[in-house]
């Protein structure tokens, strides 16, 4: 059976659709990549694996990918492809694109520094972007309710990830506090 329009879909069409999905839903993409890399790191750990080791790998790679790489990608999108990013969200292009991009670059830099460091640095790397993402989620809800903006970048997977990524980060911080060595004492 042919799709509407009568033209059969080619394998290249499916590949193009998959690439578009992965790139358009980059927070989900980088969350999943971080989880996969964590599981590989856990499996390759030479010493016996305990809860502290599992949490350490999960939070390290979560901070690196779901926050660091994701915000670096967001920086590139908003600064160099602002018109496209704005259209994806359902907004007009604006000078604020540059400001959002620079905030994302700052979050990314902190995440890259914090990914394999102390609890305190990871807390900072998760807290700032989480407040931004939760605020963005509230803004998306407002836009859906008042402007009926259901563009993919406002009401799609991006909206859900604005809530899920902070929740995952806070759960991992709580687990690191419980099972790991949450504080580094210098004295």
Protein backbone atom coordinates (compact mmCIF):
# COMPACT_ATOMS: atom_id res chain seq x y z
CA UNK A 1 0.00 0.00 0.00
CA UNK A 2 1.35 3.40 -0.94
CA UNK A 3 1.38 6.37 1.44
CA UNK A 4 -0.81 9.41 0.67
CA UNK A 5 0.41 11.00 -2.55
CA UNK A 6 1.19 7.62 -4.09
CA UNK A 7 4.99 7.77 -3.85
CA UNK A 8 6.68 4.94 -1.97
CA UNK A 9 9.01 5.91 0.86
CA UNK A 10 12.62 4.99 0.33
CA UNK A 11 15.06 3.81 3.03
CA UNK A 12 16.79 7.18 2.70
CA UNK A 13 13.51 8.86 3.74
CA UNK A 14 13.43 6.80 6.93
CA UNK A 15 17.08 7.63 7.63
CA UNK A 16 16.41 11.34 7.05
CA UNK A 17 13.39 11.17 9.37
CA UNK A 18 15.44 9.41 12.06
CA UNK A 19 18.24 11.97 11.84
CA UNK A 20 15.72 14.81 12.01
CA UNK A 21 14.09 13.23 15.07
CA UNK A 22 17.43 12.73 16.86
CA UNK A 23 18.66 16.26 16.15
CA UNK A 24 15.32 17.99 16.81
CA UNK A 25 14.88 16.19 20.12
CA UNK A 26 18.48 16.61 21.24
CA UNK A 27 17.79 16.70 25.02
CA UNK A 28 16.29 13.20 24.79
CA UNK A 29 19.11 12.10 22.48
CA UNK A 30 21.84 13.23 24.87
CA UNK A 31 20.01 11.87 27.92
CA UNK A 32 19.89 8.44 26.26
CA UNK A 33 23.52 8.65 25.09
CA UNK A 34 24.56 9.51 28.65
CA UNK A 35 22.65 6.51 29.98
CA UNK A 36 24.17 4.17 27.40
CA UNK A 37 27.72 5.42 28.08
CA UNK A 38 27.06 5.03 31.83
CA UNK A 39 25.98 1.42 31.39
CA UNK A 40 29.06 0.69 29.28
CA UNK A 41 31.28 2.34 31.91
CA UNK A 42 29.62 0.29 34.67
CA UNK A 43 30.09 -2.92 32.68
CA UNK A 44 33.77 -2.11 32.08
CA UNK A 45 34.54 -1.32 35.73
CA UNK A 46 37.31 -3.71 36.83
CA UNK A 47 36.53 -3.66 40.57
CA UNK A 48 33.33 -5.07 42.07
CA UNK A 49 30.40 -2.81 41.27
CA UNK A 50 28.51 -1.38 44.22
CA UNK A 51 25.77 1.26 44.47
CA UNK A 52 28.29 4.09 44.84
CA UNK A 53 30.05 3.07 41.60
CA UNK A 54 26.78 2.82 39.69
CA UNK A 55 25.64 6.25 40.90
CA UNK A 56 29.07 7.75 40.16
CA UNK A 57 28.96 6.57 36.54
CA UNK A 58 25.33 7.59 36.05
CA UNK A 59 25.75 11.11 37.41
CA UNK A 60 29.10 11.71 35.68
CA UNK A 61 27.80 10.87 32.24
CA UNK A 62 24.43 12.54 32.89
CA UNK A 63 26.18 15.82 33.67
CA UNK A 64 28.53 15.39 30.70
CA UNK A 65 25.91 14.53 28.06
CA UNK A 66 22.43 15.60 29.25
CA UNK A 67 23.73 18.95 30.49
CA UNK A 68 27.15 19.61 28.93
CA UNK A 69 26.74 18.36 25.36
CA UNK A 70 23.03 19.21 25.23
CA UNK A 71 23.66 22.83 26.24
CA UNK A 72 26.58 23.09 23.82
CA UNK A 73 24.24 21.92 21.04
CA UNK A 74 21.61 24.42 22.24
CA UNK A 75 24.25 27.19 22.12
CA UNK A 76 25.06 26.36 18.51
CA UNK A 77 21.38 26.22 17.53
CA UNK A 78 20.42 29.52 19.15
CA UNK A 79 23.54 31.50 18.20
CA UNK A 80 24.29 30.22 14.69
CA UNK A 81 20.86 28.98 13.59
CA UNK A 82 18.64 31.35 15.58
CA UNK A 83 15.94 31.74 12.95
CA UNK A 84 15.56 27.96 12.64
CA UNK A 85 15.58 27.49 16.45
CA UNK A 86 12.94 30.19 16.92
CA UNK A 87 10.71 28.68 14.22
CA UNK A 88 11.02 25.25 15.89
CA UNK A 89 9.75 26.79 19.14
CA UNK A 90 7.00 28.65 17.32
CA UNK A 91 8.45 32.11 17.93
CA UNK A 92 9.80 34.91 15.80
CA UNK A 93 13.58 35.30 15.63
CA UNK A 94 14.88 37.74 18.22
CA UNK A 95 18.13 39.13 19.65
CA UNK A 96 17.33 37.07 22.76
CA UNK A 97 18.38 34.00 20.78
CA UNK A 98 21.99 35.07 21.30
CA UNK A 99 21.43 35.54 25.03
CA UNK A 100 19.82 32.10 25.42
CA UNK A 101 22.70 30.63 23.44
CA UNK A 102 25.31 32.28 25.66
CA UNK A 103 23.51 31.07 28.82
CA UNK A 104 23.58 27.56 27.33
CA UNK A 105 27.30 27.91 26.63
CA UNK A 106 27.86 28.86 30.27
CA UNK A 107 25.84 25.87 31.52
CA UNK A 108 27.79 23.63 29.15
CA UNK A 109 31.18 24.88 30.36
CA UNK A 110 30.24 24.32 34.02
CA UNK A 111 28.95 20.82 33.21
CA UNK A 112 32.14 19.83 31.42
CA UNK A 113 34.21 20.98 34.39
CA UNK A 114 31.90 19.29 36.92
CA UNK A 115 31.13 15.97 35.21
CA UNK A 116 33.97 14.01 36.79
CA UNK A 117 34.46 16.10 39.92
CA UNK A 118 32.88 16.64 43.32
CA UNK A 119 29.30 16.59 44.51
CA UNK A 120 29.37 20.37 44.97
CA UNK A 121 30.41 21.03 41.37
CA UNK A 122 27.81 18.59 40.07
CA UNK A 123 25.19 20.30 42.21
CA UNK A 124 26.08 23.62 40.56
CA UNK A 125 26.11 22.01 37.11
CA UNK A 126 22.64 20.55 37.65
CA UNK A 127 20.98 23.34 39.64
CA UNK A 128 21.46 26.26 37.22
CA UNK A 129 20.28 24.49 34.06
CA UNK A 130 17.45 22.82 36.01
CA UNK A 131 16.05 26.16 37.10
CA UNK A 132 16.33 27.39 33.51
CA UNK A 133 14.63 24.26 32.12
CA UNK A 134 11.82 24.25 34.68
CA UNK A 135 11.24 27.95 33.97
CA UNK A 136 11.21 27.16 30.25
CA UNK A 137 8.64 24.40 30.89
CA UNK A 138 6.42 26.90 32.71
CA UNK A 139 6.83 29.26 29.77
CA UNK A 140 5.87 26.48 27.36
CA UNK A 141 2.71 25.77 29.36
CA UNK A 142 1.86 29.48 29.31
CA UNK A 143 2.44 29.62 25.53
CA UNK A 144 0.26 26.54 25.00
CA UNK A 145 -2.55 27.95 27.15
CA UNK A 146 -2.54 31.56 25.97
CA UNK A 147 -1.14 31.48 22.44
CA UNK A 148 -2.12 27.92 21.47
CA UNK A 149 1.53 27.36 20.54
CA UNK A 150 1.87 23.62 20.00
CA UNK A 151 5.00 23.78 17.85
CA UNK A 152 7.31 20.77 18.37
CA UNK A 153 9.90 22.89 20.19
CA UNK A 154 7.26 24.26 22.56
CA UNK A 155 4.88 21.38 23.22
CA UNK A 156 6.69 18.26 22.03
CA UNK A 157 9.46 16.15 23.49
CA UNK A 158 11.45 19.30 24.31
CA UNK A 159 8.73 20.32 26.80
CA UNK A 160 8.82 16.95 28.56
CA UNK A 161 12.60 16.92 28.68
CA UNK A 162 12.55 20.37 30.32
CA UNK A 163 10.96 18.55 33.27
CA UNK A 164 12.60 15.12 33.04
CA UNK A 165 16.24 16.23 32.85
CA UNK A 166 16.07 18.28 36.09
CA UNK A 167 14.22 15.44 37.85
CA UNK A 168 16.83 12.88 36.76
CA UNK A 169 19.61 15.25 37.84
CA UNK A 170 18.10 15.82 41.30
CA UNK A 171 17.48 12.08 41.79
CA UNK A 172 21.11 11.34 40.86
CA UNK A 173 22.33 14.04 43.26
CA UNK A 174 20.24 12.52 46.05
CA UNK A 175 21.62 9.07 45.25
CA UNK A 176 25.19 10.37 45.17
CA UNK A 177 24.60 12.02 48.54
CA UNK A 178 23.24 8.75 49.91
CA UNK A 179 25.67 6.22 48.42
CA UNK A 180 28.72 8.19 47.43
CA UNK A 181 31.11 10.59 48.99
CA UNK A 182 29.05 13.75 48.56
CA UNK A 183 31.45 16.27 50.07
CA UNK A 184 35.14 16.77 49.54
CA UNK A 185 36.81 18.19 52.60
CA UNK A 186 39.98 20.16 52.08
CA UNK A 187 40.79 20.54 55.79
